[in-house]
C-alpha atoms as a PDB file:
ATOM      1  CA  MET A   1     -26.362 -18.695   8.783  1.00  0.00           C
ATOM      2  CA  TYR A   2     -29.622 -20.023   7.523  1.00  0.00           C
ATOM      3  CA  THR A   3     -28.960 -22.596   4.809  1.00  0.00           C
ATOM      4  CA  PRO A   4     -31.621 -24.969   3.360  1.00  0.00           C
ATOM      5  CA  GLU A   5     -30.503 -28.627   3.176  1.00  0.00           C
ATOM      6  CA  LEU A   6     -30.315 -28.417  -0.487  1.00  0.00           C
ATOM      7  CA  TYR A   7     -27.753 -25.694  -0.389  1.00  0.00           C
ATOM      8  CA  LYS A   8     -25.326 -26.788   2.391  1.00  0.00           C
ATOM      9  CA  ASN A   9     -21.878 -27.701   1.360  1.00  0.00           C
ATOM     10  CA  GLU A  10     -20.253 -30.092   3.612  1.00  0.00           C
ATOM     11  CA  ASN A  11     -17.264 -30.997   1.473  1.00  0.00           C
ATOM     12  CA  GLN A  12     -14.390 -30.127   3.768  1.00  0.00           C
ATOM     13  CA  GLU A  13     -11.733 -29.974   1.102  1.00  0.00           C
ATOM     14  CA  GLU A  14     -13.956 -27.861  -1.127  1.00  0.00           C
ATOM     15  CA  ILE A  15     -14.623 -25.487   1.720  1.00  0.00           C
ATOM     16  CA  ARG A  16     -10.959 -25.086   2.679  1.00  0.00           C
ATOM     17  CA  ASN A  17     -10.045 -24.528  -0.943  1.00  0.00           C
ATOM     18  CA  PHE A  18     -12.608 -21.739  -1.136  1.00  0.00           C
ATOM     19  CA  ILE A  19     -11.160 -20.079   2.005  1.00  0.00           C
ATOM     20  CA  HIS A  20      -7.802 -20.173   0.412  1.00  0.00           C
ATOM     21  CA  HIS A  21      -8.863 -18.684  -2.840  1.00  0.00           C
ATOM     22  CA  ASN A  22     -11.424 -16.026  -1.266  1.00  0.00           C
ATOM     23  CA  GLY A  23      -9.278 -14.985   1.752  1.00  0.00           C
ATOM     24  CA  PHE A  24     -10.334 -11.391   1.968  1.00  0.00           C
ATOM     25  CA  ALA A  25     -13.046 -11.665   4.780  1.00  0.00           C
ATOM     26  CA  LEU A  26     -15.159  -9.940   7.201  1.00  0.00           C
ATOM     27  CA  LEU A  27     -14.317 -10.245  10.839  1.00  0.00           C
ATOM     28  CA  ILE A  28     -17.275  -9.731  12.977  1.00  0.00           C
ATOM     29  CA  ASN A  29     -17.824  -9.367  16.838  1.00  0.00           C
ATOM     30  CA  GLN A  30     -19.310  -6.873  19.180  1.00  0.00           C
ATOM     31  CA  VAL A  31     -17.517  -3.606  20.020  1.00  0.00           C
ATOM     32  CA  ASN A  32     -19.099  -1.622  22.882  1.00  0.00           C
ATOM     33  CA  LEU A  33     -22.271  -3.610  22.643  1.00  0.00           C
ATOM     34  CA  LYS A  34     -22.673  -3.004  18.820  1.00  0.00           C
ATOM     35  CA  PRO A  35     -22.010  -5.203  15.912  1.00  0.00           C
ATOM     36  CA  TRP A  36     -18.643  -4.401  14.197  1.00  0.00           C
ATOM     37  CA  ALA A  37     -16.860  -5.732  11.019  1.00  0.00           C
ATOM     38  CA  THR A  38     -13.503  -5.187   9.426  1.00  0.00           C
ATOM     39  CA  HIS A  39     -12.578  -6.244   5.954  1.00  0.00           C
ATOM     40  CA  ILE A  40      -9.237  -8.169   6.239  1.00  0.00           C
ATOM     41  CA  PRO A  41      -7.214 -10.886   4.706  1.00  0.00           C
ATOM     42  CA  LEU A  42      -7.302 -14.240   6.671  1.00  0.00           C
ATOM     43  CA  VAL A  43      -4.997 -17.212   6.144  1.00  0.00           C
ATOM     44  CA  LEU A  44      -6.150 -20.736   6.869  1.00  0.00           C
ATOM     45  CA  GLU A  45      -3.348 -22.707   8.711  1.00  0.00           C
ATOM     46  CA  THR A  46      -2.800 -25.453  11.039  1.00  0.00           C
ATOM     47  CA  ASN A  47      -1.075 -24.416  14.324  1.00  0.00           C
ATOM     48  CA  SER A  48       1.529 -26.044  16.451  1.00  0.00           C
ATOM     49  CA  ALA A  49      -1.161 -27.908  18.507  1.00  0.00           C
ATOM     50  CA  GLY A  50      -2.599 -29.415  15.074  1.00  0.00           C
ATOM     51  CA  LYS A  51      -5.695 -27.198  15.351  1.00  0.00           C
ATOM     52  CA  GLU A  52      -7.130 -25.503  12.189  1.00  0.00           C
ATOM     53  CA  VAL A  53      -6.815 -21.705  12.637  1.00  0.00           C
ATOM     54  CA  LEU A  54      -7.470 -18.468  10.653  1.00  0.00           C
ATOM     55  CA  VAL A  55      -4.513 -15.892  11.129  1.00  0.00           C
ATOM     56  CA  GLY A  56      -4.815 -12.120  10.541  1.00  0.00           C
ATOM     57  CA  HIS A  57      -4.341  -8.775  12.112  1.00  0.00           C
ATOM     58  CA  LEU A  58      -5.940  -5.357  12.663  1.00  0.00           C
ATOM     59  CA  SER A  59      -4.559  -1.900  12.905  1.00  0.00           C
ATOM     60  CA  ILE A  60      -4.085  -1.087  16.669  1.00  0.00           C
ATOM     61  CA  GLU A  61      -6.056   1.963  16.071  1.00  0.00           C
ATOM     62  CA  ASN A  62      -9.149   0.065  14.960  1.00  0.00           C
ATOM     63  CA  PRO A  63     -11.729  -0.136  17.817  1.00  0.00           C
ATOM     64  CA  GLN A  64     -12.229  -3.678  16.986  1.00  0.00           C
ATOM     65  CA  ALA A  65      -8.579  -4.600  17.906  1.00  0.00           C
ATOM     66  CA  LYS A  66      -9.110  -3.321  21.454  1.00  0.00           C
ATOM     67  CA  SER A  67     -12.112  -5.776  21.781  1.00  0.00           C
ATOM     68  CA  LEU A  68     -10.049  -8.825  20.769  1.00  0.00           C
ATOM     69  CA  GLN A  69      -9.248 -10.648  23.924  1.00  0.00           C
ATOM     70  CA  ASN A  70      -8.045 -14.179  24.439  1.00  0.00           C
ATOM     71  CA  GLY A  71     -10.909 -16.623  24.270  1.00  0.00           C
ATOM     72  CA  ILE A  72     -13.690 -14.431  22.800  1.00  0.00           C
ATOM     73  CA  GLU A  73     -15.802 -15.834  20.046  1.00  0.00           C
ATOM     74  CA  VAL A  74     -15.728 -14.125  16.543  1.00  0.00           C
ATOM     75  CA  LEU A  75     -17.064 -14.771  13.152  1.00  0.00           C
ATOM     76  CA  ALA A  76     -15.274 -14.685   9.824  1.00  0.00           C
ATOM     77  CA  VAL A  77     -17.383 -14.467   6.630  1.00  0.00           C
ATOM     78  CA  PHE A  78     -15.945 -15.388   3.390  1.00  0.00           C
ATOM     79  CA  SER A  79     -17.790 -14.476   0.086  1.00  0.00           C
ATOM     80  CA  GLY A  80     -17.409 -15.977  -3.368  1.00  0.00           C
ATOM     81  CA  PRO A  81     -18.999 -15.169  -6.697  1.00  0.00           C
ATOM     82  CA  HIS A  82     -22.667 -14.163  -6.683  1.00  0.00           C
ATOM     83  CA  ALA A  83     -25.268 -13.120  -9.285  1.00  0.00           C
ATOM     84  CA  TYR A  84     -28.859 -12.245  -9.993  1.00  0.00           C
ATOM     85  CA  ILE A  85     -31.066 -15.027 -11.600  1.00  0.00           C
ATOM     86  CA  SER A  86     -34.085 -13.791 -13.593  1.00  0.00           C
ATOM     87  CA  SER A  87     -36.959 -15.868 -13.653  1.00  0.00           C
ATOM     88  CA  SER A  88     -37.378 -14.936 -17.265  1.00  0.00           C
ATOM     89  CA  TRP A  89     -34.682 -17.598 -17.929  1.00  0.00           C
ATOM     90  CA  TYR A  90     -37.124 -20.443 -16.822  1.00  0.00           C
ATOM     91  CA  ASP A  91     -39.573 -22.262 -18.954  1.00  0.00           C
ATOM     92  CA  HIS A  92     -42.218 -21.626 -16.385  1.00  0.00           C
ATOM     93  CA  GLU A  93     -43.376 -18.725 -14.127  1.00  0.00           C
ATOM     94  CA  ASN A  94     -41.502 -18.228 -10.971  1.00  0.00           C
ATOM     95  CA  VAL A  95     -39.840 -15.517  -8.785  1.00  0.00           C
ATOM     96  CA  PRO A  96     -36.254 -14.204  -9.414  1.00  0.00           C
ATOM     97  CA  THR A  97     -33.429 -15.123  -7.089  1.00  0.00           C
ATOM     98  CA  TRP A  98     -29.795 -14.932  -6.269  1.00  0.00           C
ATOM     99  CA  ASN A  99     -27.089 -17.510  -6.506  1.00  0.00           C
ATOM    100  CA  TYR A 100     -24.059 -17.366  -4.381  1.00  0.00           C
ATOM    101  CA  ILE A 101     -21.438 -19.060  -2.404  1.00  0.00           C
ATOM    102  CA  ALA A 102     -20.416 -18.050   1.140  1.00  0.00           C
ATOM    103  CA  VAL A 103     -18.619 -19.714   4.183  1.00  0.00           C
ATOM    104  CA  HIS A 104     -19.132 -18.560   7.739  1.00  0.00           C
ATOM    105  CA  VAL A 105     -16.328 -19.584  10.141  1.00  0.00           C
ATOM    106  CA  TYR A 106     -16.619 -19.322  13.932  1.00  0.00           C
ATOM    107  CA  GLY A 107     -13.640 -19.469  16.258  1.00  0.00           C
ATOM    108  CA  THR A 108     -12.126 -18.278  19.457  1.00  0.00           C
ATOM    109  CA  ILE A 109      -9.269 -15.668  19.507  1.00  0.00           C
ATOM    110  CA  ARG A 110      -5.544 -15.901  20.726  1.00  0.00           C
ATOM    111  CA  ILE A 111      -3.475 -12.756  20.607  1.00  0.00           C
ATOM    112  CA  LEU A 112      -0.119 -13.197  18.957  1.00  0.00           C
ATOM    113  CA  ASN A 113       3.067 -11.920  20.451  1.00  0.00           C
ATOM    114  CA  TYR A 114       5.562  -9.754  18.361  1.00  0.00           C
ATOM    115  CA  ASP A 115       7.597 -12.718  17.035  1.00  0.00           C
ATOM    116  CA  GLU A 116       4.407 -14.648  16.093  1.00  0.00           C
ATOM    117  CA  THR A 117       3.068 -11.357  14.450  1.00  0.00           C
ATOM    118  CA  VAL A 118       6.146 -11.199  12.279  1.00  0.00           C
ATOM    119  CA  ALA A 119       5.853 -14.829  11.137  1.00  0.00           C
ATOM    120  CA  SER A 120       2.158 -14.396  10.447  1.00  0.00           C
ATOM    121  CA  LEU A 121       3.039 -11.395   8.215  1.00  0.00           C
ATOM    122  CA  LYS A 122       5.587 -13.409   6.444  1.00  0.00           C
ATOM    123  CA  LYS A 123       2.993 -16.067   5.538  1.00  0.00           C
ATOM    124  CA  LEU A 124       0.530 -13.573   4.449  1.00  0.00           C
ATOM    125  CA  VAL A 125       2.966 -11.687   2.277  1.00  0.00           C
ATOM    126  CA  ASP A 126       4.468 -14.860   0.713  1.00  0.00           C
ATOM    127  CA  LYS A 127       0.990 -16.002  -0.139  1.00  0.00           C
ATOM    128  CA  TYR A 128       0.060 -12.902  -2.031  1.00  0.00           C
ATOM    129  CA  GLU A 129       3.450 -12.216  -3.549  1.00  0.00           C
ATOM    130  CA  ALA A 130       3.751 -15.569  -5.081  1.00  0.00           C
ATOM    131  CA  ARG A 131       2.601 -14.530  -8.503  1.00  0.00           C
ATOM    132  CA  SER A 132       4.542 -11.182  -8.245  1.00  0.00           C
ATOM    133  CA  GLU A 133       7.489 -10.640 -10.878  1.00  0.00           C
ATOM    134  CA  ASN A 134       9.570  -9.035  -8.204  1.00  0.00           C
ATOM    135  CA  PRO A 135       8.098 -10.526  -4.980  1.00  0.00           C
ATOM    136  CA  ILE A 136       8.619  -8.657  -1.645  1.00  0.00           C
ATOM    137  CA  ARG A 137       9.903 -10.660   1.322  1.00  0.00           C
ATOM    138  CA  ILE A 138       9.521  -9.678   4.856  1.00  0.00           C
ATOM    139  CA  GLU A 139      12.943 -10.787   5.617  1.00  0.00           C
ATOM    140  CA  ASP A 140      14.226  -8.152   3.187  1.00  0.00           C
ATOM    141  CA  LEU A 141      12.361  -5.203   4.631  1.00  0.00           C
ATOM    142  CA  SER A 142      14.382  -2.589   6.785  1.00  0.00           C
ATOM    143  CA  GLU A 143      14.112  -2.365  10.584  1.00  0.00           C
ATOM    144  CA  LYS A 144      12.415   1.052  10.020  1.00  0.00           C
ATOM    145  CA  THR A 145       9.721  -0.466   7.884  1.00  0.00           C
ATOM    146  CA  MET A 146       9.162  -3.339  10.183  1.00  0.00           C
ATOM    147  CA  ARG A 147       8.555  -1.014  13.091  1.00  0.00           C
ATOM    148  CA  GLN A 148       4.989  -0.928  11.406  1.00  0.00           C
ATOM    149  CA  ALA A 149       4.363  -4.295  12.861  1.00  0.00           C
ATOM    150  CA  ARG A 150       4.176  -2.551  16.245  1.00  0.00           C
ATOM    151  CA  GLY A 151       1.137  -0.718  14.955  1.00  0.00           C
ATOM    152  CA  ILE A 152      -1.056  -3.901  14.462  1.00  0.00           C
ATOM    153  CA  VAL A 153      -2.862  -6.590  16.656  1.00  0.00           C
ATOM    154  CA  ALA A 154      -2.380 -10.045  15.121  1.00  0.00           C
ATOM    155  CA  PHE A 155      -4.475 -12.935  16.133  1.00  0.00           C
ATOM    156  CA  GLU A 156      -4.962 -16.707  15.736  1.00  0.00           C
ATOM    157  CA  MET A 157      -8.588 -17.677  15.443  1.00  0.00           C
ATOM    158  CA  GLU A 158      -9.134 -21.221  16.428  1.00  0.00           C
ATOM    159  CA  ILE A 159     -11.980 -22.795  14.232  1.00  0.00           C
ATOM    160  CA  THR A 160     -14.853 -24.108  16.294  1.00  0.00           C
ATOM    161  CA  SER A 161     -17.497 -24.590  13.551  1.00  0.00           C
ATOM    162  CA  ILE A 162     -17.889 -23.928   9.764  1.00  0.00           C
ATOM    163  CA  GLU A 163     -21.130 -23.268   7.907  1.00  0.00           C
ATOM    164  CA  ALA A 164     -20.976 -23.234   4.163  1.00  0.00           C
ATOM    165  CA  THR A 165     -23.671 -22.235   1.468  1.00  0.00           C
ATOM    166  CA  LYS A 166     -23.473 -22.985  -2.201  1.00  0.00           C
ATOM    167  CA  LYS A 167     -26.695 -21.830  -3.694  1.00  0.00           C
ATOM    168  CA  LEU A 168     -26.451 -22.460  -7.327  1.00  0.00           C
ATOM    169  CA  SER A 169     -30.114 -23.325  -8.594  1.00  0.00           C
ATOM    170  CA  GLN A 170     -29.814 -26.995  -7.435  1.00  0.00           C
ATOM    171  CA  ASN A 171     -33.610 -26.929  -7.201  1.00  0.00           C
ATOM    172  CA  ARG A 172     -33.941 -26.612 -10.970  1.00  0.00           C
ATOM    173  CA  ASP A 173     -34.453 -29.374 -13.470  1.00  0.00           C
ATOM    174  CA  SER A 174     -31.579 -29.971 -15.982  1.00  0.00           C
ATOM    175  CA  LYS A 175     -33.160 -27.859 -18.929  1.00  0.00           C
ATOM    176  CA  ASN A 176     -33.648 -24.838 -16.825  1.00  0.00           C
ATOM    177  CA  TYR A 177     -30.342 -25.282 -15.135  1.00  0.00           C
ATOM    178  CA  GLN A 178     -28.353 -25.245 -18.288  1.00  0.00           C
ATOM    179  CA  ASN A 179     -30.540 -22.337 -19.568  1.00  0.00           C
ATOM    180  CA  ILE A 180     -29.483 -20.223 -16.413  1.00  0.00           C
ATOM    181  CA  ILE A 181     -25.719 -21.207 -17.109  1.00  0.00           C
ATOM    182  CA  SER A 182     -26.189 -19.972 -20.692  1.00  0.00           C
ATOM    183  CA  GLU A 183     -27.851 -16.637 -19.706  1.00  0.00           C
ATOM    184  CA  LEU A 184     -25.231 -15.976 -17.035  1.00  0.00           C
ATOM    185  CA  GLU A 185     -22.491 -16.491 -19.707  1.00  0.00           C
ATOM    186  CA  LYS A 186     -24.265 -14.012 -21.854  1.00  0.00           C
ATOM    187  CA  THR A 187     -23.951 -11.133 -19.419  1.00  0.00           C
ATOM    188  CA  ASN A 188     -20.165 -10.461 -19.790  1.00  0.00           C
ATOM    189  CA  ASP A 189     -20.250  -9.904 -16.104  1.00  0.00           C
ATOM    190  CA  ASN A 190     -17.319 -11.340 -14.202  1.00  0.00           C
ATOM    191  CA  GLN A 191     -19.369 -12.315 -11.339  1.00  0.00           C
ATOM    192  CA  SER A 192     -22.114 -13.981 -13.372  1.00  0.00           C
ATOM    193  CA  ILE A 193     -19.702 -15.872 -15.428  1.00  0.00           C
ATOM    194  CA  SER A 194     -17.875 -17.089 -12.303  1.00  0.00           C
ATOM    195  CA  VAL A 195     -21.289 -18.418 -11.002  1.00  0.00           C
ATOM    196  CA  ALA A 196     -21.846 -20.101 -14.355  1.00  0.00           C
ATOM    197  CA  ASN A 197     -18.494 -21.811 -14.066  1.00  0.00           C
ATOM    198  CA  GLU A 198     -19.246 -23.013 -10.478  1.00  0.00           C
ATOM    199  CA  MET A 199     -22.696 -24.374 -11.758  1.00  0.00           C
ATOM    200  CA  LYS A 200     -20.847 -26.367 -14.315  1.00  0.00           C
ATOM    201  CA  LYS A 201     -18.806 -28.061 -11.697  1.00  0.00           C
ATOM    202  CA  CYS A 202     -21.928 -29.435  -9.773  1.00  0.00           C
ATOM    203  CA  PRO A 203     -23.008 -32.904 -10.837  1.00  0.00           C
ATOM    204  CA  ARG A 204     -26.512 -33.094 -12.104  1.00  0.00           C
END
């Protein structure tokens, strides 16, 4: 991912927190010599060897699942809030742009066995059921329902490198920076307001 130095995010704790809160990602690799991407939830964990990994699964019917072999390299893309930035918000002439936050994670695949697959499903469900009034637990599902676990290919992606971009108008002076925040907040658009909130967190 091309990222100018000004927009690089190298705060590891912040990056991991971002992945945790924006866990619906794109898993990308080549399938039959063509780029292929699947939208799936991925969970950031530390495995038994102390390595950081992303854990997820694909339907066994997905052609991408057949391409996932032990040791191949894949890319996971996590996207955060983004918003159009109008140059009419500046006190000088310039071009419009786009503010956004994104993280690209590269890693190698290890296919999970059935018991590991069920354990990974439990962690995934527990994460997203945590705020449910009546949370579902994998342990409580019937044998018939759990047969569906035979229809997925679960994997652990050992992280080899991370690239993180946080493009939030860092190249603007304080006056224009604050004006961008104000204009974003006027939009009543959730994405724009989220970008404004992220900009407020950045030290000036």
